[in-house]
N, C-alpha and C. Protein backbone atom coordinates (compact mmCIF):
# COMPACT_ATOMS: atom_id res chain seq x y z
N MET A 1 -32.05 5.27 -17.56
CA MET A 1 -31.47 3.95 -17.67
C MET A 1 -32.57 2.92 -17.44
N ASP A 2 -32.51 1.84 -18.18
CA ASP A 2 -33.47 0.75 -18.09
C ASP A 2 -33.41 0.12 -16.70
N LEU A 3 -34.57 -0.07 -16.07
CA LEU A 3 -34.62 -0.63 -14.72
C LEU A 3 -34.09 -2.06 -14.66
N ARG A 4 -34.29 -2.84 -15.72
CA ARG A 4 -33.75 -4.20 -15.73
C ARG A 4 -32.22 -4.17 -15.72
N LYS A 5 -31.65 -3.23 -16.47
CA LYS A 5 -30.20 -3.10 -16.50
C LYS A 5 -29.67 -2.66 -15.13
N LEU A 6 -30.38 -1.74 -14.50
CA LEU A 6 -30.00 -1.26 -13.17
C LEU A 6 -30.07 -2.40 -12.16
N LYS A 7 -31.12 -3.20 -12.21
CA LYS A 7 -31.27 -4.36 -11.31
C LYS A 7 -30.12 -5.35 -11.52
N THR A 8 -29.76 -5.60 -12.77
CA THR A 8 -28.66 -6.51 -13.09
C THR A 8 -27.34 -5.99 -12.50
N LEU A 9 -27.11 -4.69 -12.62
CA LEU A 9 -25.88 -4.09 -12.07
C LEU A 9 -25.86 -4.19 -10.55
N ILE A 10 -26.99 -3.97 -9.91
CA ILE A 10 -27.06 -4.08 -8.45
C ILE A 10 -26.77 -5.51 -8.02
N ASP A 11 -27.35 -6.48 -8.72
CA ASP A 11 -27.10 -7.89 -8.41
C ASP A 11 -25.63 -8.24 -8.61
N LEU A 12 -25.03 -7.70 -9.66
CA LEU A 12 -23.61 -7.95 -9.94
C LEU A 12 -22.74 -7.46 -8.79
N VAL A 13 -23.00 -6.25 -8.30
CA VAL A 13 -22.22 -5.70 -7.20
C VAL A 13 -22.47 -6.50 -5.92
N SER A 14 -23.73 -6.88 -5.68
CA SER A 14 -24.07 -7.65 -4.47
C SER A 14 -23.34 -8.98 -4.41
N ASP A 15 -23.20 -9.64 -5.56
CA ASP A 15 -22.64 -10.98 -5.60
C ASP A 15 -21.13 -11.02 -5.82
N SER A 16 -20.48 -9.87 -5.84
CA SER A 16 -19.05 -9.84 -6.13
C SER A 16 -18.28 -9.18 -5.00
N ASN A 17 -16.94 -9.14 -5.17
CA ASN A 17 -16.07 -8.46 -4.21
C ASN A 17 -15.99 -6.97 -4.49
N VAL A 18 -16.66 -6.51 -5.54
CA VAL A 18 -16.63 -5.11 -5.91
C VAL A 18 -17.45 -4.33 -4.89
N SER A 19 -16.89 -3.24 -4.37
CA SER A 19 -17.61 -2.47 -3.37
C SER A 19 -18.27 -1.23 -3.98
N GLU A 20 -17.84 -0.84 -5.18
CA GLU A 20 -18.40 0.35 -5.79
C GLU A 20 -18.32 0.23 -7.30
N LEU A 21 -19.37 0.69 -8.00
CA LEU A 21 -19.41 0.65 -9.46
C LEU A 21 -20.03 1.93 -9.94
N GLU A 22 -19.42 2.58 -10.92
CA GLU A 22 -19.97 3.80 -11.48
C GLU A 22 -20.00 3.67 -13.00
N ILE A 23 -21.15 3.96 -13.60
CA ILE A 23 -21.32 3.86 -15.05
C ILE A 23 -21.92 5.16 -15.55
N THR A 24 -21.32 5.71 -16.60
CA THR A 24 -21.82 6.93 -17.21
C THR A 24 -22.29 6.62 -18.62
N GLU A 25 -23.52 6.99 -18.93
CA GLU A 25 -24.10 6.81 -20.25
C GLU A 25 -24.68 8.13 -20.70
N ALA A 26 -25.18 8.17 -21.92
CA ALA A 26 -25.72 9.40 -22.49
C ALA A 26 -26.85 9.97 -21.64
N GLU A 27 -27.72 9.10 -21.10
CA GLU A 27 -28.86 9.59 -20.33
C GLU A 27 -28.57 9.87 -18.87
N GLY A 28 -27.39 9.56 -18.41
CA GLY A 28 -27.06 9.86 -17.02
C GLY A 28 -25.94 9.00 -16.48
N LYS A 29 -25.73 9.16 -15.18
CA LYS A 29 -24.66 8.45 -14.51
C LYS A 29 -25.27 7.68 -13.34
N VAL A 30 -24.82 6.41 -13.16
CA VAL A 30 -25.29 5.58 -12.05
C VAL A 30 -24.08 5.17 -11.24
N ARG A 31 -24.20 5.31 -9.92
CA ARG A 31 -23.13 4.90 -9.01
C ARG A 31 -23.75 3.97 -7.98
N ILE A 32 -23.23 2.74 -7.90
CA ILE A 32 -23.74 1.74 -6.97
C ILE A 32 -22.64 1.46 -5.95
N VAL A 33 -22.97 1.64 -4.68
CA VAL A 33 -22.01 1.45 -3.60
C VAL A 33 -22.56 0.38 -2.66
N LYS A 34 -21.74 -0.65 -2.42
CA LYS A 34 -22.14 -1.70 -1.48
C LYS A 34 -21.90 -1.18 -0.07
N GLY A 35 -22.92 -1.21 0.76
CA GLY A 35 -22.83 -0.70 2.12
C GLY A 35 -22.02 -1.63 3.00
N SER A 36 -21.38 -1.10 4.03
CA SER A 36 -20.59 -1.89 4.95
C SER A 36 -21.46 -2.69 5.92
N HIS A 37 -22.74 -2.38 5.96
CA HIS A 37 -23.65 -3.09 6.85
C HIS A 37 -24.12 -4.41 6.28
N GLY A 38 -23.65 -4.78 5.10
CA GLY A 38 -23.98 -6.08 4.53
C GLY A 38 -25.28 -6.08 3.76
N GLY A 39 -25.95 -4.97 3.66
CA GLY A 39 -27.21 -4.89 2.93
C GLY A 39 -26.98 -4.80 1.44
N ALA A 40 -28.05 -4.62 0.72
CA ALA A 40 -27.96 -4.51 -0.73
C ALA A 40 -27.32 -3.18 -1.10
N PRO A 41 -26.66 -3.13 -2.27
CA PRO A 41 -26.06 -1.89 -2.73
C PRO A 41 -27.13 -0.82 -2.95
N VAL A 42 -26.74 0.41 -2.78
CA VAL A 42 -27.66 1.52 -2.95
C VAL A 42 -27.27 2.28 -4.20
N PRO A 43 -28.16 2.31 -5.23
CA PRO A 43 -27.82 3.03 -6.45
C PRO A 43 -28.04 4.53 -6.26
N SER A 44 -27.23 5.30 -6.92
CA SER A 44 -27.35 6.74 -6.93
C SER A 44 -27.41 7.15 -8.38
N TYR A 45 -28.43 7.91 -8.78
CA TYR A 45 -28.63 8.24 -10.18
C TYR A 45 -28.56 9.74 -10.36
N ALA A 46 -27.79 10.20 -11.34
CA ALA A 46 -27.70 11.62 -11.66
C ALA A 46 -27.93 11.80 -13.15
N PRO A 47 -28.90 12.61 -13.57
CA PRO A 47 -29.10 12.86 -14.99
C PRO A 47 -27.85 13.46 -15.62
N ALA A 48 -27.72 13.28 -16.93
CA ALA A 48 -26.51 13.70 -17.64
C ALA A 48 -26.26 15.20 -17.52
N HIS A 49 -27.30 16.02 -17.40
CA HIS A 49 -27.11 17.46 -17.37
C HIS A 49 -26.66 17.98 -16.00
N GLN A 50 -26.66 17.12 -14.98
CA GLN A 50 -26.18 17.52 -13.66
C GLN A 50 -24.82 16.91 -13.40
N ASN A 51 -23.94 17.64 -12.76
CA ASN A 51 -22.63 17.13 -12.37
C ASN A 51 -22.44 17.36 -10.89
N PRO A 52 -23.00 16.46 -10.06
CA PRO A 52 -22.84 16.66 -8.62
C PRO A 52 -21.39 16.48 -8.20
N ALA A 53 -20.98 17.28 -7.23
CA ALA A 53 -19.61 17.16 -6.71
C ALA A 53 -19.53 15.91 -5.84
N PRO A 54 -18.43 15.15 -5.99
CA PRO A 54 -18.30 13.96 -5.15
C PRO A 54 -18.15 14.34 -3.69
N ALA A 55 -18.72 13.53 -2.82
CA ALA A 55 -18.63 13.78 -1.39
C ALA A 55 -17.20 13.49 -0.91
N PRO A 56 -16.65 14.35 -0.05
CA PRO A 56 -15.30 14.08 0.44
C PRO A 56 -15.30 12.86 1.35
N LEU A 57 -14.22 12.12 1.29
CA LEU A 57 -14.08 10.93 2.12
C LEU A 57 -13.36 11.30 3.41
N ALA A 58 -13.90 10.88 4.52
CA ALA A 58 -13.27 11.13 5.81
C ALA A 58 -12.33 9.97 6.11
N VAL A 59 -11.05 10.26 6.20
CA VAL A 59 -10.06 9.24 6.52
C VAL A 59 -9.46 9.58 7.88
N PRO A 60 -9.71 8.73 8.87
CA PRO A 60 -9.17 9.04 10.19
C PRO A 60 -7.65 8.93 10.22
N ALA A 61 -7.03 9.83 10.96
CA ALA A 61 -5.58 9.79 11.10
C ALA A 61 -5.22 8.66 12.06
N PRO A 62 -4.10 7.97 11.80
CA PRO A 62 -3.72 6.90 12.72
C PRO A 62 -3.38 7.45 14.10
N SER A 63 -3.80 6.74 15.12
CA SER A 63 -3.53 7.19 16.49
C SER A 63 -2.07 6.90 16.85
N ALA A 64 -1.61 7.50 17.92
CA ALA A 64 -0.24 7.27 18.38
C ALA A 64 -0.06 5.81 18.78
N ALA A 65 -1.11 5.20 19.33
CA ALA A 65 -1.03 3.80 19.74
C ALA A 65 -0.88 2.89 18.51
N ALA A 66 -1.58 3.23 17.43
CA ALA A 66 -1.48 2.42 16.21
C ALA A 66 -0.08 2.54 15.61
N LEU A 67 0.48 3.73 15.66
CA LEU A 67 1.83 3.92 15.13
C LEU A 67 2.87 3.20 15.98
N ALA A 68 2.62 3.10 17.27
CA ALA A 68 3.56 2.42 18.16
C ALA A 68 3.56 0.92 17.91
N ASP A 69 2.46 0.38 17.34
CA ASP A 69 2.36 -1.05 17.07
C ASP A 69 3.09 -1.48 15.81
N VAL A 70 3.65 -0.54 15.04
CA VAL A 70 4.37 -0.88 13.81
C VAL A 70 5.66 -1.61 14.19
N PRO A 71 5.86 -2.82 13.67
CA PRO A 71 7.07 -3.57 14.01
C PRO A 71 8.34 -2.83 13.58
N ALA A 72 9.41 -3.03 14.33
CA ALA A 72 10.68 -2.38 14.01
C ALA A 72 11.20 -2.83 12.66
N ALA A 73 10.85 -4.05 12.21
CA ALA A 73 11.33 -4.58 10.94
C ALA A 73 10.86 -3.71 9.78
N GLU A 74 9.69 -3.08 9.90
CA GLU A 74 9.18 -2.27 8.81
C GLU A 74 9.99 -0.99 8.63
N THR A 75 10.69 -0.56 9.64
CA THR A 75 11.46 0.67 9.52
C THR A 75 12.88 0.39 9.04
N SER A 76 13.28 -0.90 8.99
CA SER A 76 14.64 -1.22 8.52
C SER A 76 14.64 -1.38 7.01
N ASP A 77 15.40 -2.34 6.50
CA ASP A 77 15.57 -2.51 5.06
C ASP A 77 14.57 -3.51 4.50
N VAL A 78 13.35 -3.51 5.01
CA VAL A 78 12.32 -4.44 4.57
C VAL A 78 11.44 -3.75 3.53
N HIS A 79 11.18 -4.48 2.45
CA HIS A 79 10.36 -3.95 1.35
C HIS A 79 9.03 -4.70 1.32
N ALA A 80 7.92 -3.97 1.30
CA ALA A 80 6.60 -4.59 1.21
C ALA A 80 6.20 -4.71 -0.26
N VAL A 81 5.84 -5.92 -0.67
CA VAL A 81 5.30 -6.14 -2.01
C VAL A 81 3.81 -5.88 -1.88
N LYS A 82 3.30 -4.91 -2.64
CA LYS A 82 1.92 -4.47 -2.48
C LYS A 82 1.03 -4.98 -3.60
N SER A 83 -0.25 -5.10 -3.29
CA SER A 83 -1.23 -5.58 -4.26
C SER A 83 -1.47 -4.52 -5.33
N PRO A 84 -1.40 -4.92 -6.60
CA PRO A 84 -1.66 -3.96 -7.67
C PRO A 84 -3.15 -3.81 -7.99
N MET A 85 -4.00 -4.55 -7.24
CA MET A 85 -5.43 -4.53 -7.55
C MET A 85 -6.24 -5.01 -6.35
N VAL A 86 -7.54 -4.83 -6.46
CA VAL A 86 -8.48 -5.37 -5.48
C VAL A 86 -8.85 -6.77 -5.93
N GLY A 87 -8.92 -7.70 -5.00
CA GLY A 87 -9.29 -9.06 -5.36
C GLY A 87 -9.14 -10.01 -4.20
N THR A 88 -9.03 -11.30 -4.52
CA THR A 88 -8.87 -12.34 -3.51
C THR A 88 -7.47 -12.93 -3.63
N PHE A 89 -6.76 -12.98 -2.50
CA PHE A 89 -5.37 -13.43 -2.44
C PHE A 89 -5.32 -14.96 -2.33
N TYR A 90 -4.48 -15.57 -3.17
CA TYR A 90 -4.23 -17.01 -3.07
C TYR A 90 -2.73 -17.26 -3.08
N ARG A 91 -2.27 -18.11 -2.17
CA ARG A 91 -0.84 -18.42 -2.04
C ARG A 91 -0.36 -19.43 -3.06
N SER A 92 -1.28 -20.23 -3.64
CA SER A 92 -0.88 -21.27 -4.59
C SER A 92 -1.79 -21.23 -5.82
N SER A 93 -1.41 -22.01 -6.85
CA SER A 93 -2.15 -22.00 -8.10
C SER A 93 -3.45 -22.80 -8.03
N SER A 94 -3.56 -23.71 -7.07
CA SER A 94 -4.80 -24.47 -6.87
C SER A 94 -4.89 -24.86 -5.39
N PRO A 95 -6.07 -25.24 -4.92
CA PRO A 95 -6.25 -25.50 -3.49
C PRO A 95 -5.27 -26.51 -2.88
N GLY A 96 -4.89 -27.58 -3.59
CA GLY A 96 -4.00 -28.57 -3.02
C GLY A 96 -2.53 -28.37 -3.36
N ALA A 97 -2.23 -27.35 -4.15
CA ALA A 97 -0.86 -27.15 -4.63
C ALA A 97 0.03 -26.49 -3.56
N LYS A 98 1.33 -26.64 -3.74
CA LYS A 98 2.32 -26.03 -2.85
C LYS A 98 2.28 -24.51 -3.05
N PRO A 99 2.37 -23.73 -1.96
CA PRO A 99 2.39 -22.27 -2.09
C PRO A 99 3.57 -21.79 -2.94
N PHE A 100 3.39 -20.66 -3.62
CA PHE A 100 4.46 -20.10 -4.44
C PHE A 100 5.68 -19.76 -3.59
N VAL A 101 5.46 -19.16 -2.42
CA VAL A 101 6.56 -18.80 -1.53
C VAL A 101 6.19 -19.08 -0.08
N GLU A 102 7.21 -19.32 0.73
CA GLU A 102 7.07 -19.50 2.17
C GLU A 102 8.00 -18.50 2.85
N VAL A 103 7.78 -18.24 4.13
CA VAL A 103 8.68 -17.38 4.89
C VAL A 103 10.06 -18.03 4.88
N GLY A 104 11.08 -17.24 4.58
CA GLY A 104 12.45 -17.73 4.52
C GLY A 104 12.93 -18.04 3.11
N ASP A 105 12.00 -18.15 2.14
CA ASP A 105 12.38 -18.42 0.74
C ASP A 105 13.07 -17.20 0.14
N MET A 106 14.02 -17.46 -0.76
CA MET A 106 14.65 -16.39 -1.52
C MET A 106 13.87 -16.21 -2.82
N VAL A 107 13.55 -14.97 -3.16
CA VAL A 107 12.85 -14.67 -4.41
C VAL A 107 13.67 -13.68 -5.23
N LYS A 108 13.49 -13.78 -6.54
CA LYS A 108 14.11 -12.83 -7.46
C LYS A 108 13.02 -11.93 -8.00
N ALA A 109 13.39 -10.74 -8.42
CA ALA A 109 12.42 -9.85 -9.05
C ALA A 109 11.84 -10.57 -10.27
N GLY A 110 10.52 -10.62 -10.35
CA GLY A 110 9.85 -11.29 -11.45
C GLY A 110 9.33 -12.67 -11.10
N ASP A 111 9.74 -13.24 -9.95
CA ASP A 111 9.21 -14.53 -9.51
C ASP A 111 7.74 -14.37 -9.10
N THR A 112 6.91 -15.35 -9.44
CA THR A 112 5.51 -15.33 -9.02
C THR A 112 5.46 -15.61 -7.52
N ILE A 113 4.76 -14.74 -6.79
CA ILE A 113 4.67 -14.90 -5.33
C ILE A 113 3.27 -15.27 -4.87
N CYS A 114 2.25 -14.97 -5.69
CA CYS A 114 0.87 -15.28 -5.32
C CYS A 114 -0.03 -15.05 -6.53
N ILE A 115 -1.30 -15.30 -6.33
CA ILE A 115 -2.31 -15.03 -7.36
C ILE A 115 -3.37 -14.16 -6.70
N ILE A 116 -3.85 -13.17 -7.45
CA ILE A 116 -4.99 -12.38 -6.99
C ILE A 116 -6.10 -12.56 -8.03
N GLU A 117 -7.23 -13.07 -7.54
CA GLU A 117 -8.39 -13.26 -8.41
C GLU A 117 -9.22 -11.99 -8.39
N ALA A 118 -9.47 -11.44 -9.56
CA ALA A 118 -10.30 -10.25 -9.69
C ALA A 118 -11.27 -10.47 -10.86
N MET A 119 -12.53 -10.42 -10.58
CA MET A 119 -13.58 -10.59 -11.58
C MET A 119 -13.40 -11.90 -12.36
N LYS A 120 -13.16 -12.98 -11.63
CA LYS A 120 -13.02 -14.34 -12.17
C LYS A 120 -11.77 -14.51 -13.03
N ILE A 121 -10.83 -13.57 -12.96
CA ILE A 121 -9.56 -13.67 -13.69
C ILE A 121 -8.45 -13.85 -12.66
N LEU A 122 -7.61 -14.88 -12.87
CA LEU A 122 -6.49 -15.15 -11.97
C LEU A 122 -5.26 -14.39 -12.46
N ASN A 123 -4.76 -13.49 -11.65
CA ASN A 123 -3.62 -12.65 -12.00
C ASN A 123 -2.41 -13.05 -11.17
N GLU A 124 -1.34 -13.50 -11.84
CA GLU A 124 -0.11 -13.85 -11.13
C GLU A 124 0.60 -12.57 -10.72
N ILE A 125 0.94 -12.48 -9.45
CA ILE A 125 1.63 -11.31 -8.93
C ILE A 125 3.10 -11.67 -8.74
N GLU A 126 3.97 -10.81 -9.27
CA GLU A 126 5.41 -11.08 -9.24
C GLU A 126 6.10 -10.20 -8.21
N ALA A 127 7.19 -10.72 -7.67
CA ALA A 127 8.02 -9.93 -6.75
C ALA A 127 8.62 -8.77 -7.51
N ASP A 128 8.61 -7.59 -6.91
CA ASP A 128 9.21 -6.43 -7.56
C ASP A 128 10.60 -6.13 -7.01
N LYS A 129 11.07 -7.00 -6.10
CA LYS A 129 12.40 -6.84 -5.52
C LYS A 129 12.92 -8.22 -5.11
N ALA A 130 14.20 -8.44 -5.30
CA ALA A 130 14.81 -9.70 -4.88
C ALA A 130 15.12 -9.65 -3.39
N GLY A 131 15.07 -10.82 -2.76
CA GLY A 131 15.42 -10.89 -1.35
C GLY A 131 14.79 -12.10 -0.68
N LYS A 132 14.86 -12.11 0.64
CA LYS A 132 14.32 -13.21 1.44
C LYS A 132 12.93 -12.82 1.95
N VAL A 133 11.96 -13.72 1.80
CA VAL A 133 10.61 -13.46 2.29
C VAL A 133 10.65 -13.47 3.82
N VAL A 134 10.27 -12.35 4.42
CA VAL A 134 10.31 -12.19 5.87
C VAL A 134 8.94 -12.50 6.48
N GLN A 135 7.89 -12.04 5.83
CA GLN A 135 6.55 -12.21 6.40
C GLN A 135 5.52 -12.25 5.28
N ILE A 136 4.56 -13.16 5.40
CA ILE A 136 3.42 -13.19 4.48
C ILE A 136 2.27 -12.58 5.25
N MET A 137 1.74 -11.47 4.74
CA MET A 137 0.81 -10.66 5.50
C MET A 137 -0.66 -10.93 5.20
N CYS A 138 -0.96 -11.87 4.29
CA CYS A 138 -2.34 -12.17 3.94
C CYS A 138 -2.61 -13.66 4.10
N GLU A 139 -3.83 -13.98 4.44
CA GLU A 139 -4.26 -15.37 4.55
C GLU A 139 -4.79 -15.83 3.19
N ASN A 140 -4.67 -17.12 2.93
CA ASN A 140 -5.19 -17.68 1.70
C ASN A 140 -6.70 -17.45 1.63
N GLY A 141 -7.18 -16.91 0.51
CA GLY A 141 -8.61 -16.65 0.33
C GLY A 141 -9.07 -15.31 0.88
N GLN A 142 -8.14 -14.51 1.41
CA GLN A 142 -8.48 -13.21 1.99
C GLN A 142 -8.70 -12.16 0.90
N ALA A 143 -9.67 -11.30 1.09
CA ALA A 143 -9.88 -10.17 0.19
C ALA A 143 -8.79 -9.14 0.45
N VAL A 144 -8.19 -8.62 -0.63
CA VAL A 144 -7.15 -7.61 -0.49
C VAL A 144 -7.54 -6.35 -1.26
N GLU A 145 -7.02 -5.24 -0.82
CA GLU A 145 -7.28 -3.94 -1.45
C GLU A 145 -6.08 -3.52 -2.29
N TYR A 146 -6.30 -2.56 -3.16
CA TYR A 146 -5.21 -1.98 -3.94
C TYR A 146 -4.21 -1.34 -2.98
N GLY A 147 -2.93 -1.64 -3.16
CA GLY A 147 -1.88 -1.04 -2.34
C GLY A 147 -1.65 -1.73 -1.01
N GLN A 148 -2.42 -2.76 -0.69
CA GLN A 148 -2.24 -3.49 0.57
C GLN A 148 -0.99 -4.34 0.49
N ALA A 149 -0.21 -4.37 1.56
CA ALA A 149 1.01 -5.17 1.61
C ALA A 149 0.63 -6.65 1.62
N LEU A 150 1.23 -7.43 0.69
CA LEU A 150 0.97 -8.85 0.59
C LEU A 150 2.01 -9.65 1.38
N LEU A 151 3.27 -9.25 1.21
CA LEU A 151 4.37 -9.88 1.93
C LEU A 151 5.53 -8.91 2.00
N THR A 152 6.49 -9.22 2.87
CA THR A 152 7.66 -8.37 3.00
C THR A 152 8.90 -9.16 2.61
N VAL A 153 9.85 -8.45 1.99
CA VAL A 153 11.11 -9.02 1.50
C VAL A 153 12.23 -8.14 2.03
N GLU A 154 13.34 -8.82 2.48
CA GLU A 154 14.51 -8.01 2.87
C GLU A 154 15.73 -8.54 2.17
C-alpha cells in the first residue's frame, strides 16, 4: 500500500470519532486502531497471502456491585431506545433550537427523538416505541456507541 495513502488514513482516524478502520485491497489488508491512551493510531499491515486470526477481545463480566446499581425502573415496563450507530448525540437540530424531546414528553413510534452525527452526516433517530420519555441518558454533544441506550420510554 502507498505510504501517502496510509498516512492519510491514519490522519483520518486521528481526527475523527472512528476508533478503528480496516481496509482490504489486492496487495494486503490494513487495520488502524486508535489507542485509548490518546496517541496516534497504530497501523497493522498484513500481506494478502496471510490471514492472521483476529485477537480475542477480553470483556470483563459486570460485578455484583454494578448489577446492584441498575435502577428498578429498568426492570419494569421501561423500553430503552438504543443508538443504531456510532457517532455524536445531539438533542436538537441546531445549537439554539428546542430539543426534540424532554423528560415527560409523549412520543409516538416514528417521532424524531435526536440526531446522531456520523462522518459529518446528521442522522435523525426515531422512537421505535410509543410512550412517555422517562429518562434521557446522553448529554448533548456526547459520543455514543452502537447499541448504547439514548433514552427510556414507558
